Amino acid sequence: MNCFTFWTTPAPKEERACSGRNERATDEEESLPLRHVQSVFWYTGRVVKQYQRHPNTICHVCKTPVYRRPIEIKRNRGRVFCSMICYGISCRKEMPCSVCGRPILSGLNKKTCSRSCANHRRTGMKYHLNRPKDKVVSQKALKMRLLKERGMACERCGLQTYQILQVHHKDRNRRNRPYKEKSWMNTGLMRGGVG
């Protein structure tokens, strides 16, 4: 039987009689379940029922069965979605609220889930935006800090030109990283090349 011969609306009795088909076959065709067919508009102007493909994979989020072409499944590495809503759910990233611990969608400065959680402990909340004041991360920052604390002169020869001063180890041990520790007693400002 051809699947394109089923009409969505039953044909009048005159057309049934002139079509040459028996009445019993037409009644069976009309009683087919509609979940396996899909309406398509052809050049004749009549709506024809067409076979719908069986699902061959499931949605990555809601696990509903969907049909996708095999090349599309391969291109997306098996991540197939049934709708744009499920695709949006899979793209979002969640993090816990800093007050109550409920999951919220992550944002650039978003720390709490609601206004009430933001007001709950406003004074006690620490955002840690800046680094601690007692740590130095770079060589330049260490030089500026030593210039402020120990003066603008070389510690060996007393030269007052601070532009050519560099940070050196007093104990000549390079493994002592002064900007990794809180104390930098082993470092000093000396002329370049000395050391």
N, C-alpha and C. Protein backbone atom coordinates (compact mmCIF):
# COMPACT_ATOMS: atom_id res chain seq x y z
N MET A 1 0.83 -1.19 0.00
CA MET A 1 0.00 0.00 0.00
C MET A 1 0.87 1.24 0.00
N ASN A 2 0.52 2.20 -0.79
CA ASN A 2 1.28 3.45 -0.86
C ASN A 2 0.83 4.36 0.27
N CYS A 3 1.80 4.97 0.97
CA CYS A 3 1.43 5.80 2.12
C CYS A 3 0.94 7.18 1.69
N PHE A 4 1.07 7.54 0.44
CA PHE A 4 0.63 8.86 -0.02
C PHE A 4 -0.81 8.85 -0.50
N THR A 5 -1.49 7.72 -0.43
CA THR A 5 -2.87 7.66 -0.90
C THR A 5 -3.88 7.90 0.21
N PHE A 6 -3.44 8.08 1.46
CA PHE A 6 -4.37 8.32 2.56
C PHE A 6 -4.73 9.80 2.61
N TRP A 7 -6.01 10.11 2.62
CA TRP A 7 -6.46 11.50 2.75
C TRP A 7 -6.74 11.78 4.22
N THR A 8 -6.48 13.00 4.65
CA THR A 8 -6.74 13.33 6.05
C THR A 8 -8.23 13.51 6.29
N THR A 9 -8.94 14.02 5.32
CA THR A 9 -10.40 14.15 5.46
C THR A 9 -11.04 13.03 4.66
N PRO A 10 -12.07 12.41 5.17
CA PRO A 10 -12.68 11.31 4.41
C PRO A 10 -13.30 11.83 3.11
N ALA A 11 -13.09 11.08 2.05
CA ALA A 11 -13.60 11.48 0.74
C ALA A 11 -15.11 11.26 0.70
N PRO A 12 -15.81 12.06 -0.09
CA PRO A 12 -17.26 11.84 -0.21
C PRO A 12 -17.56 10.47 -0.81
N LYS A 13 -18.81 10.01 -0.65
CA LYS A 13 -19.21 8.68 -1.13
C LYS A 13 -19.07 8.56 -2.64
N GLU A 14 -19.31 9.69 -3.37
CA GLU A 14 -19.22 9.63 -4.83
C GLU A 14 -17.78 9.35 -5.25
N GLU A 15 -16.81 10.01 -4.59
CA GLU A 15 -15.40 9.79 -4.94
C GLU A 15 -14.96 8.39 -4.56
N ARG A 16 -15.49 7.85 -3.48
CA ARG A 16 -15.13 6.49 -3.09
C ARG A 16 -15.61 5.49 -4.13
N ALA A 17 -16.79 5.74 -4.62
CA ALA A 17 -17.35 4.81 -5.60
C ALA A 17 -16.56 4.87 -6.90
N CYS A 18 -16.16 6.07 -7.32
CA CYS A 18 -15.46 6.17 -8.60
C CYS A 18 -13.97 5.88 -8.47
N SER A 19 -13.46 5.80 -7.27
CA SER A 19 -12.03 5.54 -7.12
C SER A 19 -11.69 4.08 -7.36
N GLY A 20 -12.65 3.20 -7.32
CA GLY A 20 -12.40 1.81 -7.61
C GLY A 20 -11.94 1.00 -6.42
N ARG A 21 -11.93 1.56 -5.25
CA ARG A 21 -11.52 0.83 -4.07
C ARG A 21 -12.76 0.37 -3.31
N ASN A 22 -12.61 -0.70 -2.58
CA ASN A 22 -13.76 -1.19 -1.83
C ASN A 22 -13.94 -0.40 -0.54
N GLU A 23 -15.13 -0.46 0.04
CA GLU A 23 -15.47 0.32 1.22
C GLU A 23 -14.71 -0.16 2.45
N ARG A 24 -14.45 -1.48 2.57
CA ARG A 24 -13.80 -2.02 3.75
C ARG A 24 -12.36 -1.50 3.87
N ALA A 25 -11.63 -1.43 2.80
CA ALA A 25 -10.24 -0.96 2.83
C ALA A 25 -10.18 0.52 3.21
N THR A 26 -11.14 1.31 2.74
CA THR A 26 -11.15 2.74 3.06
C THR A 26 -11.41 2.95 4.55
N ASP A 27 -12.30 2.17 5.14
CA ASP A 27 -12.57 2.31 6.57
C ASP A 27 -11.35 1.91 7.40
N GLU A 28 -10.60 0.88 6.97
CA GLU A 28 -9.39 0.50 7.69
C GLU A 28 -8.33 1.60 7.62
N GLU A 29 -8.21 2.22 6.44
CA GLU A 29 -7.21 3.28 6.27
C GLU A 29 -7.53 4.49 7.14
N GLU A 30 -8.83 4.79 7.29
CA GLU A 30 -9.22 5.93 8.11
C GLU A 30 -9.01 5.65 9.60
N SER A 31 -8.99 4.38 10.01
CA SER A 31 -8.85 4.06 11.42
C SER A 31 -7.39 3.92 11.85
N LEU A 32 -6.43 4.20 10.96
CA LEU A 32 -5.02 4.13 11.35
C LEU A 32 -4.71 5.18 12.41
N PRO A 33 -3.84 4.88 13.36
CA PRO A 33 -3.50 5.88 14.39
C PRO A 33 -2.75 7.05 13.77
N LEU A 34 -3.08 8.27 14.22
CA LEU A 34 -2.50 9.48 13.63
C LEU A 34 -1.12 9.80 14.18
N ARG A 35 -0.63 9.08 15.18
CA ARG A 35 0.67 9.42 15.74
C ARG A 35 1.82 9.01 14.81
N HIS A 36 1.54 8.10 13.84
CA HIS A 36 2.59 7.67 12.93
C HIS A 36 2.60 8.45 11.63
N VAL A 37 1.73 9.41 11.49
CA VAL A 37 1.65 10.14 10.22
C VAL A 37 1.79 11.63 10.47
N GLN A 38 2.14 12.34 9.41
CA GLN A 38 2.34 13.78 9.50
C GLN A 38 1.68 14.41 8.28
N SER A 39 1.05 15.56 8.46
CA SER A 39 0.35 16.21 7.35
C SER A 39 1.34 16.98 6.48
N VAL A 40 1.21 16.82 5.18
CA VAL A 40 2.06 17.51 4.21
C VAL A 40 1.17 18.05 3.10
N PHE A 41 1.44 19.27 2.65
CA PHE A 41 0.64 19.90 1.60
C PHE A 41 1.35 19.69 0.27
N TRP A 42 0.71 19.01 -0.66
CA TRP A 42 1.32 18.72 -1.95
C TRP A 42 0.78 19.65 -3.02
N TYR A 43 1.23 19.47 -4.23
CA TYR A 43 0.87 20.37 -5.33
C TYR A 43 -0.60 20.26 -5.71
N THR A 44 -1.28 19.21 -5.28
CA THR A 44 -2.69 19.06 -5.63
C THR A 44 -3.58 19.96 -4.79
N GLY A 45 -3.04 20.49 -3.68
CA GLY A 45 -3.85 21.33 -2.83
C GLY A 45 -4.52 20.57 -1.71
N ARG A 46 -4.39 19.26 -1.70
CA ARG A 46 -4.98 18.46 -0.64
C ARG A 46 -3.91 18.10 0.38
N VAL A 47 -4.32 17.94 1.62
CA VAL A 47 -3.39 17.56 2.68
C VAL A 47 -3.29 16.04 2.69
N VAL A 48 -2.05 15.55 2.59
CA VAL A 48 -1.81 14.12 2.49
C VAL A 48 -1.05 13.66 3.74
N LYS A 49 -1.31 12.45 4.19
CA LYS A 49 -0.61 11.90 5.34
C LYS A 49 0.70 11.28 4.87
N GLN A 50 1.75 11.52 5.63
CA GLN A 50 3.06 10.99 5.28
C GLN A 50 3.64 10.26 6.49
N TYR A 51 4.45 9.26 6.24
CA TYR A 51 5.05 8.48 7.31
C TYR A 51 6.06 9.33 8.07
N GLN A 52 6.02 9.27 9.40
CA GLN A 52 6.96 9.98 10.24
C GLN A 52 8.03 9.00 10.72
N ARG A 53 9.29 9.44 10.75
CA ARG A 53 10.39 8.55 11.10
C ARG A 53 10.35 8.20 12.58
N HIS A 54 10.81 7.00 12.89
CA HIS A 54 10.88 6.56 14.28
C HIS A 54 12.08 7.21 14.95
N PRO A 55 12.00 7.53 16.24
CA PRO A 55 13.14 8.15 16.92
C PRO A 55 14.32 7.18 17.00
N ASN A 56 15.53 7.71 16.75
CA ASN A 56 16.72 6.87 16.79
C ASN A 56 17.69 7.27 17.90
N THR A 57 17.39 8.34 18.64
CA THR A 57 18.24 8.76 19.75
C THR A 57 17.37 9.46 20.79
N ILE A 58 17.98 9.86 21.90
CA ILE A 58 17.22 10.54 22.95
C ILE A 58 17.83 11.91 23.21
N CYS A 59 17.02 12.79 23.76
CA CYS A 59 17.47 14.14 24.11
C CYS A 59 18.48 14.06 25.24
N HIS A 60 19.49 14.90 25.18
CA HIS A 60 20.58 14.88 26.17
C HIS A 60 20.12 15.36 27.55
N VAL A 61 19.06 16.19 27.59
CA VAL A 61 18.60 16.78 28.85
C VAL A 61 17.38 16.06 29.42
N CYS A 62 16.30 15.99 28.62
CA CYS A 62 15.04 15.46 29.16
C CYS A 62 14.78 14.00 28.78
N LYS A 63 15.66 13.39 28.03
CA LYS A 63 15.61 11.96 27.67
C LYS A 63 14.38 11.58 26.86
N THR A 64 13.78 12.52 26.11
CA THR A 64 12.67 12.16 25.23
C THR A 64 13.24 11.64 23.92
N PRO A 65 12.61 10.62 23.31
CA PRO A 65 13.13 10.08 22.05
C PRO A 65 12.90 11.06 20.90
N VAL A 66 13.93 11.30 20.11
CA VAL A 66 13.85 12.19 18.95
C VAL A 66 14.56 11.53 17.78
N TYR A 67 14.22 11.98 16.56
CA TYR A 67 14.92 11.51 15.37
C TYR A 67 15.88 12.58 14.89
N ARG A 68 17.11 12.19 14.66
CA ARG A 68 18.10 13.07 14.04
C ARG A 68 18.84 12.27 12.99
N ARG A 69 19.31 12.95 11.97
CA ARG A 69 20.10 12.28 10.94
C ARG A 69 21.41 11.79 11.54
N PRO A 70 21.92 10.66 11.05
CA PRO A 70 23.16 10.12 11.63
C PRO A 70 24.34 11.07 11.54
N ILE A 71 24.44 11.85 10.47
CA ILE A 71 25.56 12.79 10.35
C ILE A 71 25.44 13.90 11.38
N GLU A 72 24.20 14.26 11.75
CA GLU A 72 24.01 15.29 12.78
C GLU A 72 24.39 14.77 14.16
N ILE A 73 24.09 13.50 14.42
CA ILE A 73 24.49 12.89 15.69
C ILE A 73 26.01 12.81 15.78
N LYS A 74 26.64 12.46 14.66
CA LYS A 74 28.10 12.36 14.65
C LYS A 74 28.75 13.72 14.80
N ARG A 75 28.19 14.73 14.15
CA ARG A 75 28.76 16.09 14.21
C ARG A 75 28.67 16.66 15.62
N ASN A 76 27.59 16.36 16.34
CA ASN A 76 27.39 16.89 17.69
C ASN A 76 27.91 15.96 18.77
N ARG A 77 28.60 14.90 18.39
CA ARG A 77 29.19 13.92 19.31
C ARG A 77 28.14 13.32 20.26
N GLY A 78 26.95 13.07 19.75
CA GLY A 78 25.91 12.43 20.54
C GLY A 78 25.07 13.38 21.39
N ARG A 79 25.44 14.66 21.42
CA ARG A 79 24.66 15.62 22.22
C ARG A 79 23.52 16.14 21.35
N VAL A 80 22.37 15.49 21.45
CA VAL A 80 21.20 15.82 20.65
C VAL A 80 20.15 16.39 21.59
N PHE A 81 19.46 17.44 21.14
CA PHE A 81 18.44 18.09 21.96
C PHE A 81 17.12 18.10 21.20
N CYS A 82 16.02 18.02 21.95
CA CYS A 82 14.70 17.99 21.32
C CYS A 82 14.18 19.38 21.03
N SER A 83 14.66 20.41 21.74
CA SER A 83 14.16 21.77 21.54
C SER A 83 15.23 22.76 21.96
N MET A 84 14.97 24.04 21.68
CA MET A 84 15.89 25.10 22.08
C MET A 84 15.90 25.26 23.60
N ILE A 85 14.81 24.90 24.27
CA ILE A 85 14.76 25.00 25.73
C ILE A 85 15.76 24.03 26.36
N CYS A 86 15.79 22.79 25.86
CA CYS A 86 16.74 21.81 26.39
C CYS A 86 18.17 22.20 26.06
N TYR A 87 18.40 22.80 24.89
CA TYR A 87 19.75 23.25 24.54
C TYR A 87 20.19 24.37 25.49
N GLY A 88 19.28 25.28 25.83
CA GLY A 88 19.61 26.36 26.75
C GLY A 88 19.89 25.85 28.15
N ILE A 89 19.16 24.81 28.58
CA ILE A 89 19.41 24.23 29.89
C ILE A 89 20.79 23.59 29.94
N SER A 90 21.20 22.96 28.84
CA SER A 90 22.52 22.31 28.85
C SER A 90 23.66 23.31 28.81
N CYS A 91 23.43 24.52 28.30
CA CYS A 91 24.50 25.52 28.19
C CYS A 91 24.76 26.26 29.49
N ARG A 92 23.79 26.32 30.37
CA ARG A 92 23.97 27.16 31.56
C ARG A 92 24.87 26.49 32.59
N LYS A 93 25.54 27.30 33.36
CA LYS A 93 26.44 26.82 34.39
C LYS A 93 25.91 27.30 35.74
N GLU A 94 25.90 26.40 36.71
CA GLU A 94 25.34 26.71 38.01
C GLU A 94 26.43 26.76 39.07
N MET A 95 26.23 27.61 40.07
CA MET A 95 27.13 27.70 41.22
C MET A 95 26.26 27.88 42.46
N PRO A 96 26.75 27.52 43.64
CA PRO A 96 25.91 27.65 44.84
C PRO A 96 25.85 29.09 45.34
N CYS A 97 24.72 29.44 45.96
CA CYS A 97 24.56 30.75 46.59
C CYS A 97 25.50 30.81 47.79
N SER A 98 26.15 31.96 47.99
CA SER A 98 27.13 32.07 49.07
C SER A 98 26.49 32.14 50.45
N VAL A 99 25.17 32.37 50.54
CA VAL A 99 24.50 32.46 51.84
C VAL A 99 23.75 31.18 52.15
N CYS A 100 22.84 30.76 51.24
CA CYS A 100 21.99 29.61 51.55
C CYS A 100 22.44 28.33 50.86
N GLY A 101 23.25 28.41 49.82
CA GLY A 101 23.77 27.23 49.16
C GLY A 101 22.92 26.69 48.03
N ARG A 102 21.79 27.34 47.71
CA ARG A 102 20.97 26.88 46.59
C ARG A 102 21.69 27.14 45.27
N PRO A 103 21.51 26.28 44.24
CA PRO A 103 22.19 26.53 42.96
C PRO A 103 21.57 27.71 42.22
N ILE A 104 22.42 28.58 41.68
CA ILE A 104 21.99 29.72 40.89
C ILE A 104 22.79 29.73 39.60
N LEU A 105 22.28 30.43 38.59
CA LEU A 105 23.02 30.58 37.34
C LEU A 105 24.19 31.50 37.57
N SER A 106 25.36 31.10 37.10
CA SER A 106 26.56 31.89 37.37
C SER A 106 26.56 33.15 36.52
N GLY A 107 27.04 34.22 37.11
CA GLY A 107 27.21 35.49 36.43
C GLY A 107 28.53 36.09 36.81
N LEU A 108 28.84 37.25 36.25
CA LEU A 108 30.14 37.86 36.50
C LEU A 108 30.30 38.26 37.96
N ASN A 109 29.30 38.94 38.54
CA ASN A 109 29.38 39.38 39.93
C ASN A 109 28.26 38.81 40.78
N LYS A 110 27.66 37.72 40.35
CA LYS A 110 26.51 37.17 41.06
C LYS A 110 26.99 36.25 42.16
N LYS A 111 26.64 36.57 43.40
CA LYS A 111 27.05 35.76 44.54
C LYS A 111 25.87 35.15 45.28
N THR A 112 24.69 35.79 45.20
CA THR A 112 23.54 35.32 45.97
C THR A 112 22.38 35.01 45.03
N CYS A 113 21.42 34.24 45.55
CA CYS A 113 20.28 33.83 44.73
C CYS A 113 19.16 34.85 44.72
N SER A 114 19.04 35.67 45.76
CA SER A 114 17.93 36.62 45.83
C SER A 114 18.36 37.85 46.62
N ARG A 115 17.47 38.83 46.63
CA ARG A 115 17.74 40.06 47.38
C ARG A 115 17.75 39.80 48.88
N SER A 116 16.88 38.87 49.33
CA SER A 116 16.84 38.59 50.77
C SER A 116 18.14 37.93 51.23
N CYS A 117 18.71 37.06 50.40
CA CYS A 117 20.01 36.46 50.77
C CYS A 117 21.11 37.50 50.73
N ALA A 118 21.02 38.46 49.82
CA ALA A 118 22.04 39.50 49.74
C ALA A 118 21.98 40.41 50.97
N ASN A 119 20.78 40.67 51.49
CA ASN A 119 20.63 41.52 52.66
C ASN A 119 20.86 40.76 53.97
N HIS A 120 20.82 39.43 53.91
CA HIS A 120 20.88 38.62 55.13
C HIS A 120 22.18 38.84 55.89
N ARG A 121 23.29 38.74 55.19
CA ARG A 121 24.59 38.94 55.83
C ARG A 121 25.42 39.90 55.01
N ARG A 122 24.93 41.08 54.79
CA ARG A 122 25.63 42.03 53.95
C ARG A 122 26.96 42.47 54.55
N THR A 123 27.00 42.68 55.86
CA THR A 123 28.23 43.16 56.48
C THR A 123 29.26 42.06 56.62
N GLY A 124 28.83 40.83 56.77
CA GLY A 124 29.78 39.75 56.98
C GLY A 124 30.27 39.09 55.71
N MET A 125 29.75 39.50 54.55
CA MET A 125 30.13 38.84 53.32
C MET A 125 31.46 39.37 52.81
N LYS A 126 32.37 38.48 52.45
CA LYS A 126 33.67 38.87 51.92
C LYS A 126 33.73 38.46 50.46
N TYR A 127 33.94 39.42 49.60
CA TYR A 127 33.98 39.13 48.17
C TYR A 127 35.40 38.84 47.67
N HIS A 128 36.44 39.19 48.43
CA HIS A 128 37.84 38.96 48.07
C HIS A 128 38.16 39.53 46.69
N LEU A 129 37.86 40.80 46.50
CA LEU A 129 38.12 41.42 45.21
C LEU A 129 39.59 41.77 45.04
N ASN A 130 40.26 42.23 46.08
CA ASN A 130 41.66 42.61 45.98
C ASN A 130 42.53 41.58 46.68
N ARG A 131 43.81 41.56 46.30
CA ARG A 131 44.73 40.64 46.95
C ARG A 131 45.16 41.20 48.30
N PRO A 132 45.66 40.38 49.19
CA PRO A 132 46.11 40.88 50.50
C PRO A 132 47.24 41.88 50.35
N LYS A 133 47.31 42.84 51.28
CA LYS A 133 48.27 43.93 51.19
C LYS A 133 49.69 43.49 51.52
N ASP A 134 49.87 42.39 52.24
CA ASP A 134 51.21 42.02 52.67
C ASP A 134 51.93 41.12 51.67
N LYS A 135 51.29 40.74 50.57
CA LYS A 135 51.93 39.88 49.59
C LYS A 135 52.33 40.69 48.36
N VAL A 136 53.48 40.34 47.80
CA VAL A 136 53.96 40.97 46.58
C VAL A 136 54.06 39.89 45.53
N VAL A 137 53.55 40.18 44.34
CA VAL A 137 53.47 39.14 43.33
C VAL A 137 54.56 39.29 42.27
N SER A 138 54.95 40.51 41.94
CA SER A 138 55.91 40.70 40.86
C SER A 138 57.19 41.36 41.36
N GLN A 139 58.21 41.33 40.52
CA GLN A 139 59.50 41.92 40.85
C GLN A 139 59.39 43.44 40.95
N LYS A 140 58.59 44.04 40.07
CA LYS A 140 58.44 45.50 40.08
C LYS A 140 57.75 45.96 41.36
N ALA A 141 56.72 45.24 41.78
CA ALA A 141 56.02 45.60 43.01
C ALA A 141 56.94 45.45 44.22
N LEU A 142 57.81 44.43 44.19
CA LEU A 142 58.76 44.26 45.29
C LEU A 142 59.76 45.41 45.33
N LYS A 143 60.22 45.86 44.17
CA LYS A 143 61.15 47.00 44.12
C LYS A 143 60.50 48.26 44.68
N MET A 144 59.27 48.54 44.30
CA MET A 144 58.58 49.74 44.78
C MET A 144 58.36 49.67 46.29
N ARG A 145 58.07 48.49 46.80
CA ARG A 145 57.85 48.36 48.24
C ARG A 145 59.16 48.55 49.02
N LEU A 146 60.25 47.98 48.49
CA LEU A 146 61.54 48.15 49.15
C LEU A 146 62.02 49.60 49.08
N LEU A 147 61.72 50.30 47.99
CA LEU A 147 62.09 51.71 47.88
C LEU A 147 61.37 52.54 48.93
N LYS A 148 60.11 52.22 49.19
CA LYS A 148 59.36 52.96 50.21
C LYS A 148 59.90 52.69 51.61
N GLU A 149 60.20 51.42 51.91
CA GLU A 149 60.58 51.05 53.27
C GLU A 149 62.05 51.34 53.60
N ARG A 150 62.97 51.13 52.64
CA ARG A 150 64.39 51.20 52.96
C ARG A 150 65.09 52.41 52.36
N GLY A 151 64.36 53.27 51.72
CA GLY A 151 65.00 54.46 51.15
C GLY A 151 65.37 54.27 49.70
N MET A 152 65.77 55.39 49.06
CA MET A 152 66.03 55.37 47.64
C MET A 152 67.53 55.32 47.36
N ALA A 153 68.26 54.46 48.04
CA ALA A 153 69.70 54.36 47.83
C ALA A 153 70.11 52.90 47.81
N CYS A 154 71.28 52.65 47.18
CA CYS A 154 71.83 51.30 47.13
C CYS A 154 72.29 50.92 48.54
N GLU A 155 72.06 49.68 48.94
CA GLU A 155 72.40 49.25 50.29
C GLU A 155 73.87 48.92 50.43
N ARG A 156 74.61 48.74 49.33
CA ARG A 156 76.05 48.45 49.41
C ARG A 156 76.89 49.71 49.30
N CYS A 157 76.64 50.49 48.22
CA CYS A 157 77.52 51.64 47.98
C CYS A 157 76.88 52.96 48.32
N GLY A 158 75.57 53.02 48.55
CA GLY A 158 74.90 54.25 48.92
C GLY A 158 74.57 55.16 47.75
N LEU A 159 74.56 54.64 46.52
CA LEU A 159 74.24 55.43 45.32
C LEU A 159 72.78 55.89 45.40
N GLN A 160 72.54 57.17 45.10
CA GLN A 160 71.20 57.75 45.26
C GLN A 160 70.33 57.61 44.00
N THR A 161 70.84 57.10 42.90
CA THR A 161 70.06 56.97 41.67
C THR A 161 69.21 55.70 41.77
N TYR A 162 67.94 55.89 42.02
CA TYR A 162 67.09 54.72 42.27
C TYR A 162 66.61 54.07 40.98
N GLN A 163 66.79 54.73 39.81
CA GLN A 163 66.30 54.15 38.57
C GLN A 163 67.09 52.90 38.17
N ILE A 164 68.38 52.83 38.55
CA ILE A 164 69.19 51.68 38.14
C ILE A 164 69.27 50.61 39.22
N LEU A 165 68.57 50.80 40.30
CA LEU A 165 68.60 49.80 41.37
C LEU A 165 67.76 48.58 41.00
N GLN A 166 68.23 47.41 41.39
CA GLN A 166 67.52 46.16 41.15
C GLN A 166 67.41 45.39 42.46
N VAL A 167 66.47 44.47 42.50
CA VAL A 167 66.29 43.65 43.68
C VAL A 167 67.23 42.46 43.59
N HIS A 168 68.07 42.27 44.61
CA HIS A 168 69.02 41.16 44.65
C HIS A 168 68.87 40.42 45.97
N HIS A 169 69.41 39.20 45.99
CA HIS A 169 69.43 38.41 47.22
C HIS A 169 70.70 38.74 48.00
N LYS A 170 70.55 39.01 49.26
CA LYS A 170 71.72 39.30 50.10
C LYS A 170 72.54 38.04 50.35
N ASP A 171 71.86 36.91 50.49
CA ASP A 171 72.59 35.67 50.75
C ASP A 171 73.01 34.96 49.46
N ARG A 172 72.75 35.57 48.30
CA ARG A 172 73.10 35.06 46.98
C ARG A 172 72.50 33.67 46.71
N ASN A 173 71.35 33.42 47.27
CA ASN A 173 70.64 32.16 47.04
C ASN A 173 69.38 32.49 46.25
N ARG A 174 69.35 32.08 44.99
CA ARG A 174 68.21 32.42 44.12
C ARG A 174 66.95 31.62 44.47
N ARG A 175 67.11 30.56 45.20
CA ARG A 175 65.94 29.75 45.53
C ARG A 175 65.05 30.42 46.57
N ASN A 176 65.54 31.39 47.27
CA ASN A 176 64.71 32.17 48.19
C ASN A 176 63.88 33.14 47.38
N ARG A 177 62.60 32.87 47.28
CA ARG A 177 61.72 33.74 46.50
C ARG A 177 61.08 34.74 47.45
N PRO A 178 61.50 35.99 47.43
CA PRO A 178 60.98 36.94 48.42
C PRO A 178 59.53 37.31 48.19
N TYR A 179 59.08 37.31 46.95
CA TYR A 179 57.70 37.71 46.70
C TYR A 179 56.72 36.57 46.91
N LYS A 180 57.22 35.36 47.22
CA LYS A 180 56.33 34.27 47.57
C LYS A 180 56.07 34.25 49.08
N GLU A 181 56.96 34.83 49.84
CA GLU A 181 56.83 34.80 51.30
C GLU A 181 56.38 36.17 51.80
N LYS A 182 56.03 36.22 53.08
CA LYS A 182 55.61 37.50 53.65
C LYS A 182 56.79 38.37 54.05
N SER A 183 57.91 37.76 54.36
CA SER A 183 59.06 38.56 54.78
C SER A 183 60.12 38.52 53.68
N TRP A 184 60.77 39.63 53.46
CA TRP A 184 61.83 39.71 52.45
C TRP A 184 63.09 40.30 53.07
N MET A 185 63.51 39.71 54.16
CA MET A 185 64.71 40.20 54.85
C MET A 185 65.98 39.87 54.08
N ASN A 186 65.94 38.84 53.23
CA ASN A 186 67.14 38.44 52.50
C ASN A 186 67.34 39.25 51.23
N THR A 187 66.47 40.18 50.92
CA THR A 187 66.59 40.94 49.67
C THR A 187 67.07 42.35 49.97
N GLY A 188 67.64 42.94 48.95
CA GLY A 188 68.10 44.31 49.08
C GLY A 188 68.12 44.99 47.73
N LEU A 189 68.13 46.33 47.74
CA LEU A 189 68.20 47.11 46.51
C LEU A 189 69.66 47.46 46.25
N MET A 190 70.18 46.95 45.13
CA MET A 190 71.57 47.20 44.78
C MET A 190 71.65 47.56 43.31
N ARG A 191 72.82 48.09 42.91
CA ARG A 191 73.01 48.43 41.51
C ARG A 191 72.96 47.17 40.67
N GLY A 192 72.52 47.33 39.39
CA GLY A 192 72.46 46.20 38.49
C GLY A 192 73.82 45.59 38.25
N GLY A 193 73.88 44.27 38.15
CA GLY A 193 75.13 43.57 37.93
C GLY A 193 75.87 43.23 39.19
N VAL A 194 75.47 43.79 40.30
CA VAL A 194 76.13 43.48 41.58
C VAL A 194 75.34 42.35 42.22
N GLY A 195 76.00 41.35 42.69
CA GLY A 195 75.21 40.48 43.37
C GLY A 195 75.28 39.11 43.55
